[in-house]
């Protein structure tokens, strides 16, 4: 009986270890993917998005555009989104602003640099108001070396996107 236990016990331990190891290895990539997907899609629940070509076409007409320029792979943007979503809901910004995802553009250094120069931003996240192909106002995270929720609210109020009486 002792020989059987000595033989079966290591086999059971190996099988158990193999099952647990398989669960651990298969779970982590899925969890990372699922979490990044949730972050990537969050802003789309609250703001209409515009493809880059459509944004450029509208910009070139000179019409007024209120734009959030961001990237789902930008950690600063993801942190900003958590704060900004509250303002979008509170001040009904979904009807006043569009989201332009520059993630693909960011992957090509020369195109990204040209975009930043053309649209007068330093990086993401950026809130920008364009009219007549010029920046009327902007809140640029890179240019300001970060900004606070109070900076965001002040910018929105200065640009008539939020009213002080709203709470």
C-alpha atoms as a PDB file:
ATOM      1  CA  UNK A   1       0.000   0.000   0.000  1.00  0.00           C
ATOM      2  CA  UNK A   2       2.853   2.391   0.850  1.00  0.00           C
ATOM      3  CA  UNK A   3       4.434   1.674  -2.534  1.00  0.00           C
ATOM      4  CA  UNK A   4       1.196   2.620  -4.299  1.00  0.00           C
ATOM      5  CA  UNK A   5       0.895   5.876  -2.321  1.00  0.00           C
ATOM      6  CA  UNK A   6       4.548   6.738  -3.016  1.00  0.00           C
ATOM      7  CA  UNK A   7       3.909   6.100  -6.708  1.00  0.00           C
ATOM      8  CA  UNK A   8       0.481   7.803  -7.038  1.00  0.00           C
ATOM      9  CA  UNK A   9       1.146  10.852  -4.844  1.00  0.00           C
ATOM     10  CA  UNK A  10       3.928  12.311  -7.055  1.00  0.00           C
ATOM     11  CA  UNK A  11       1.794  11.701 -10.151  1.00  0.00           C
ATOM     12  CA  UNK A  12      -1.158  13.534  -8.571  1.00  0.00           C
ATOM     13  CA  UNK A  13       1.114  16.409  -7.559  1.00  0.00           C
ATOM     14  CA  UNK A  14       2.535  16.692 -11.078  1.00  0.00           C
ATOM     15  CA  UNK A  15      -0.918  16.622 -12.640  1.00  0.00           C
ATOM     16  CA  UNK A  16      -2.170  19.229 -10.160  1.00  0.00           C
ATOM     17  CA  UNK A  17       0.852  21.441 -10.778  1.00  0.00           C
ATOM     18  CA  UNK A  18       0.415  21.091 -14.536  1.00  0.00           C
ATOM     19  CA  UNK A  19      -3.245  22.111 -14.373  1.00  0.00           C
ATOM     20  CA  UNK A  20      -2.501  25.115 -12.139  1.00  0.00           C
ATOM     21  CA  UNK A  21       0.430  26.180 -14.291  1.00  0.00           C
ATOM     22  CA  UNK A  22      -1.725  25.964 -17.417  1.00  0.00           C
ATOM     23  CA  UNK A  23      -4.431  28.111 -15.783  1.00  0.00           C
ATOM     24  CA  UNK A  24      -1.884  30.698 -14.707  1.00  0.00           C
ATOM     25  CA  UNK A  25      -0.218  30.915 -18.114  1.00  0.00           C
ATOM     26  CA  UNK A  26      -3.450  31.033 -20.064  1.00  0.00           C
ATOM     27  CA  UNK A  27      -5.144  33.545 -17.751  1.00  0.00           C
ATOM     28  CA  UNK A  28      -2.582  36.342 -17.732  1.00  0.00           C
ATOM     29  CA  UNK A  29      -2.572  37.194 -21.448  1.00  0.00           C
ATOM     30  CA  UNK A  30      -6.362  37.150 -21.527  1.00  0.00           C
ATOM     31  CA  UNK A  31      -6.630  39.387 -18.490  1.00  0.00           C
ATOM     32  CA  UNK A  32      -4.117  41.861 -19.884  1.00  0.00           C
ATOM     33  CA  UNK A  33      -5.927  41.927 -23.220  1.00  0.00           C
ATOM     34  CA  UNK A  34      -9.338  42.296 -21.602  1.00  0.00           C
ATOM     35  CA  UNK A  35      -8.160  45.128 -19.353  1.00  0.00           C
ATOM     36  CA  UNK A  36      -6.493  47.021 -22.184  1.00  0.00           C
ATOM     37  CA  UNK A  37      -9.568  46.606 -24.363  1.00  0.00           C
ATOM     38  CA  UNK A  38     -11.771  48.071 -21.631  1.00  0.00           C
ATOM     39  CA  UNK A  39      -9.507  51.123 -21.395  1.00  0.00           C
ATOM     40  CA  UNK A  40      -9.343  51.526 -25.159  1.00  0.00           C
ATOM     41  CA  UNK A  41     -13.101  51.597 -25.547  1.00  0.00           C
ATOM     42  CA  UNK A  42     -14.078  53.738 -22.548  1.00  0.00           C
ATOM     43  CA  UNK A  43     -13.985  57.151 -24.234  1.00  0.00           C
ATOM     44  CA  UNK A  44     -16.021  55.860 -27.193  1.00  0.00           C
ATOM     45  CA  UNK A  45     -18.973  55.350 -24.853  1.00  0.00           C
ATOM     46  CA  UNK A  46     -19.161  59.087 -24.231  1.00  0.00           C
ATOM     47  CA  UNK A  47     -17.785  60.950 -27.255  1.00  0.00           C
ATOM     48  CA  UNK A  48     -18.351  60.506 -30.945  1.00  0.00           C
ATOM     49  CA  UNK A  49     -15.129  59.720 -32.709  1.00  0.00           C
ATOM     50  CA  UNK A  50     -13.913  60.959 -36.042  1.00  0.00           C
ATOM     51  CA  UNK A  51     -11.489  59.185 -38.316  1.00  0.00           C
ATOM     52  CA  UNK A  52      -8.302  61.064 -38.949  1.00  0.00           C
ATOM     53  CA  UNK A  53      -9.085  61.730 -42.630  1.00  0.00           C
ATOM     54  CA  UNK A  54     -12.524  63.132 -41.701  1.00  0.00           C
ATOM     55  CA  UNK A  55     -10.993  65.328 -39.008  1.00  0.00           C
ATOM     56  CA  UNK A  56      -8.435  66.694 -41.481  1.00  0.00           C
ATOM     57  CA  UNK A  57     -11.146  67.362 -44.073  1.00  0.00           C
ATOM     58  CA  UNK A  58     -13.325  69.249 -41.564  1.00  0.00           C
ATOM     59  CA  UNK A  59     -10.320  71.158 -40.251  1.00  0.00           C
ATOM     60  CA  UNK A  60      -9.467  72.223 -43.817  1.00  0.00           C
ATOM     61  CA  UNK A  61     -12.949  73.706 -44.291  1.00  0.00           C
ATOM     62  CA  UNK A  62     -12.171  76.133 -41.472  1.00  0.00           C
ATOM     63  CA  UNK A  63     -15.244  75.214 -39.472  1.00  0.00           C
ATOM     64  CA  UNK A  64     -15.116  75.292 -35.688  1.00  0.00           C
ATOM     65  CA  UNK A  65     -14.058  71.978 -34.138  1.00  0.00           C
ATOM     66  CA  UNK A  66     -13.838  71.111 -30.461  1.00  0.00           C
ATOM     67  CA  UNK A  67     -11.585  68.092 -30.300  1.00  0.00           C
ATOM     68  CA  UNK A  68     -10.102  65.688 -27.800  1.00  0.00           C
ATOM     69  CA  UNK A  69      -6.960  64.237 -29.390  1.00  0.00           C
ATOM     70  CA  UNK A  70      -5.860  61.057 -27.662  1.00  0.00           C
ATOM     71  CA  UNK A  71      -4.590  57.513 -27.933  1.00  0.00           C
ATOM     72  CA  UNK A  72      -5.819  54.377 -26.180  1.00  0.00           C
ATOM     73  CA  UNK A  73      -2.195  53.235 -25.790  1.00  0.00           C
ATOM     74  CA  UNK A  74      -1.258  56.460 -23.969  1.00  0.00           C
ATOM     75  CA  UNK A  75      -1.215  55.972 -20.206  1.00  0.00           C
ATOM     76  CA  UNK A  76      -1.707  59.715 -19.627  1.00  0.00           C
ATOM     77  CA  UNK A  77      -4.774  59.579 -21.904  1.00  0.00           C
ATOM     78  CA  UNK A  78      -6.194  56.617 -20.003  1.00  0.00           C
ATOM     79  CA  UNK A  79      -5.764  58.464 -16.706  1.00  0.00           C
ATOM     80  CA  UNK A  80      -7.223  61.619 -18.251  1.00  0.00           C
ATOM     81  CA  UNK A  81     -10.219  59.671 -19.594  1.00  0.00           C
ATOM     82  CA  UNK A  82     -11.211  58.606 -16.075  1.00  0.00           C
ATOM     83  CA  UNK A  83     -11.479  62.247 -15.021  1.00  0.00           C
ATOM     84  CA  UNK A  84     -12.772  63.610 -18.310  1.00  0.00           C
ATOM     85  CA  UNK A  85     -15.678  61.146 -18.593  1.00  0.00           C
ATOM     86  CA  UNK A  86     -17.145  62.733 -15.446  1.00  0.00           C
ATOM     87  CA  UNK A  87     -17.013  66.158 -17.112  1.00  0.00           C
ATOM     88  CA  UNK A  88     -18.470  64.813 -20.342  1.00  0.00           C
ATOM     89  CA  UNK A  89     -21.490  63.546 -18.423  1.00  0.00           C
ATOM     90  CA  UNK A  90     -21.769  66.538 -16.103  1.00  0.00           C
ATOM     91  CA  UNK A  91     -21.607  69.176 -18.852  1.00  0.00           C
ATOM     92  CA  UNK A  92     -23.110  67.201 -21.734  1.00  0.00           C
ATOM     93  CA  UNK A  93     -19.918  67.512 -23.753  1.00  0.00           C
ATOM     94  CA  UNK A  94     -20.867  64.610 -25.995  1.00  0.00           C
ATOM     95  CA  UNK A  95     -22.845  67.057 -28.108  1.00  0.00           C
ATOM     96  CA  UNK A  96     -20.027  69.625 -28.211  1.00  0.00           C
ATOM     97  CA  UNK A  97     -16.847  67.653 -28.791  1.00  0.00           C
ATOM     98  CA  UNK A  98     -15.371  64.857 -30.896  1.00  0.00           C
ATOM     99  CA  UNK A  99     -12.621  62.361 -30.156  1.00  0.00           C
ATOM    100  CA  UNK A 100      -9.779  61.845 -32.619  1.00  0.00           C
ATOM    101  CA  UNK A 101      -7.790  58.670 -31.987  1.00  0.00           C
ATOM    102  CA  UNK A 102      -4.245  59.189 -33.260  1.00  0.00           C
ATOM    103  CA  UNK A 103      -2.895  55.808 -32.179  1.00  0.00           C
ATOM    104  CA  UNK A 104      -2.055  54.522 -35.665  1.00  0.00           C
ATOM    105  CA  UNK A 105      -0.533  57.843 -36.635  1.00  0.00           C
ATOM    106  CA  UNK A 106       1.609  57.823 -33.476  1.00  0.00           C
ATOM    107  CA  UNK A 107       3.270  54.582 -34.614  1.00  0.00           C
ATOM    108  CA  UNK A 108       4.872  56.402 -37.561  1.00  0.00           C
ATOM    109  CA  UNK A 109       7.292  58.941 -36.087  1.00  0.00           C
ATOM    110  CA  UNK A 110       7.533  61.241 -39.119  1.00  0.00           C
ATOM    111  CA  UNK A 111       3.758  61.321 -39.690  1.00  0.00           C
ATOM    112  CA  UNK A 112       3.160  61.900 -35.982  1.00  0.00           C
ATOM    113  CA  UNK A 113       5.627  64.815 -35.915  1.00  0.00           C
ATOM    114  CA  UNK A 114       4.019  66.331 -39.015  1.00  0.00           C
ATOM    115  CA  UNK A 115       0.541  65.972 -37.455  1.00  0.00           C
ATOM    116  CA  UNK A 116       1.656  67.669 -34.227  1.00  0.00           C
ATOM    117  CA  UNK A 117       3.180  70.530 -36.185  1.00  0.00           C
ATOM    118  CA  UNK A 118       0.177  70.937 -38.499  1.00  0.00           C
ATOM    119  CA  UNK A 119      -2.391  70.902 -35.686  1.00  0.00           C
ATOM    120  CA  UNK A 120      -0.231  72.743 -33.147  1.00  0.00           C
ATOM    121  CA  UNK A 121      -0.106  70.161 -30.370  1.00  0.00           C
ATOM    122  CA  UNK A 122       2.811  68.724 -28.427  1.00  0.00           C
ATOM    123  CA  UNK A 123       1.245  65.354 -27.603  1.00  0.00           C
ATOM    124  CA  UNK A 124      -1.666  63.544 -26.059  1.00  0.00           C
ATOM    125  CA  UNK A 125      -4.030  64.073 -24.388  1.00  0.00           C
ATOM    126  CA  UNK A 126      -4.953  67.443 -25.875  1.00  0.00           C
ATOM    127  CA  UNK A 127      -8.209  69.377 -25.866  1.00  0.00           C
ATOM    128  CA  UNK A 128      -8.247  71.823 -28.762  1.00  0.00           C
ATOM    129  CA  UNK A 129     -10.657  74.255 -30.336  1.00  0.00           C
ATOM    130  CA  UNK A 130      -9.900  74.982 -33.988  1.00  0.00           C
ATOM    131  CA  UNK A 131     -11.552  77.564 -36.200  1.00  0.00           C
ATOM    132  CA  UNK A 132     -10.437  78.922 -39.572  1.00  0.00           C
ATOM    133  CA  UNK A 133      -7.547  76.421 -39.478  1.00  0.00           C
ATOM    134  CA  UNK A 134      -6.142  78.003 -36.320  1.00  0.00           C
ATOM    135  CA  UNK A 135      -6.003  77.050 -32.678  1.00  0.00           C
ATOM    136  CA  UNK A 136      -8.466  79.170 -30.746  1.00  0.00           C
ATOM    137  CA  UNK A 137      -7.719  77.483 -27.437  1.00  0.00           C
ATOM    138  CA  UNK A 138      -6.003  74.341 -26.211  1.00  0.00           C
ATOM    139  CA  UNK A 139      -5.151  72.333 -23.166  1.00  0.00           C
ATOM    140  CA  UNK A 140      -2.119  70.252 -24.093  1.00  0.00           C
ATOM    141  CA  UNK A 141      -0.830  67.755 -21.532  1.00  0.00           C
ATOM    142  CA  UNK A 142       2.720  67.718 -22.917  1.00  0.00           C
ATOM    143  CA  UNK A 143       2.956  71.471 -23.296  1.00  0.00           C
ATOM    144  CA  UNK A 144       1.731  72.055 -19.751  1.00  0.00           C
ATOM    145  CA  UNK A 145       3.729  69.142 -18.317  1.00  0.00           C
ATOM    146  CA  UNK A 146       0.454  67.690 -17.067  1.00  0.00           C
ATOM    147  CA  UNK A 147      -2.767  69.225 -15.861  1.00  0.00           C
ATOM    148  CA  UNK A 148      -5.210  68.819 -12.999  1.00  0.00           C
ATOM    149  CA  UNK A 149      -8.984  68.339 -12.956  1.00  0.00           C
ATOM    150  CA  UNK A 150      -9.221  72.030 -11.988  1.00  0.00           C
ATOM    151  CA  UNK A 151      -7.199  72.974 -15.091  1.00  0.00           C
ATOM    152  CA  UNK A 152      -9.612  70.959 -17.234  1.00  0.00           C
ATOM    153  CA  UNK A 153     -12.680  72.561 -15.679  1.00  0.00           C
ATOM    154  CA  UNK A 154     -11.186  76.063 -15.957  1.00  0.00           C
ATOM    155  CA  UNK A 155     -10.404  75.494 -19.653  1.00  0.00           C
ATOM    156  CA  UNK A 156     -13.934  74.244 -20.309  1.00  0.00           C
ATOM    157  CA  UNK A 157     -15.459  77.249 -18.533  1.00  0.00           C
ATOM    158  CA  UNK A 158     -13.215  79.732 -20.368  1.00  0.00           C
ATOM    159  CA  UNK A 159     -14.386  78.207 -23.640  1.00  0.00           C
ATOM    160  CA  UNK A 160     -18.098  78.066 -22.763  1.00  0.00           C
ATOM    161  CA  UNK A 161     -18.141  74.272 -22.643  1.00  0.00           C
ATOM    162  CA  UNK A 162     -19.169  74.231 -18.987  1.00  0.00           C
ATOM    163  CA  UNK A 163     -21.106  76.619 -16.811  1.00  0.00           C
ATOM    164  CA  UNK A 164     -20.259  77.312 -13.178  1.00  0.00           C
ATOM    165  CA  UNK A 165     -23.857  76.744 -12.102  1.00  0.00           C
ATOM    166  CA  UNK A 166     -23.668  73.101 -13.225  1.00  0.00           C
ATOM    167  CA  UNK A 167     -22.611  70.754 -10.444  1.00  0.00           C
END
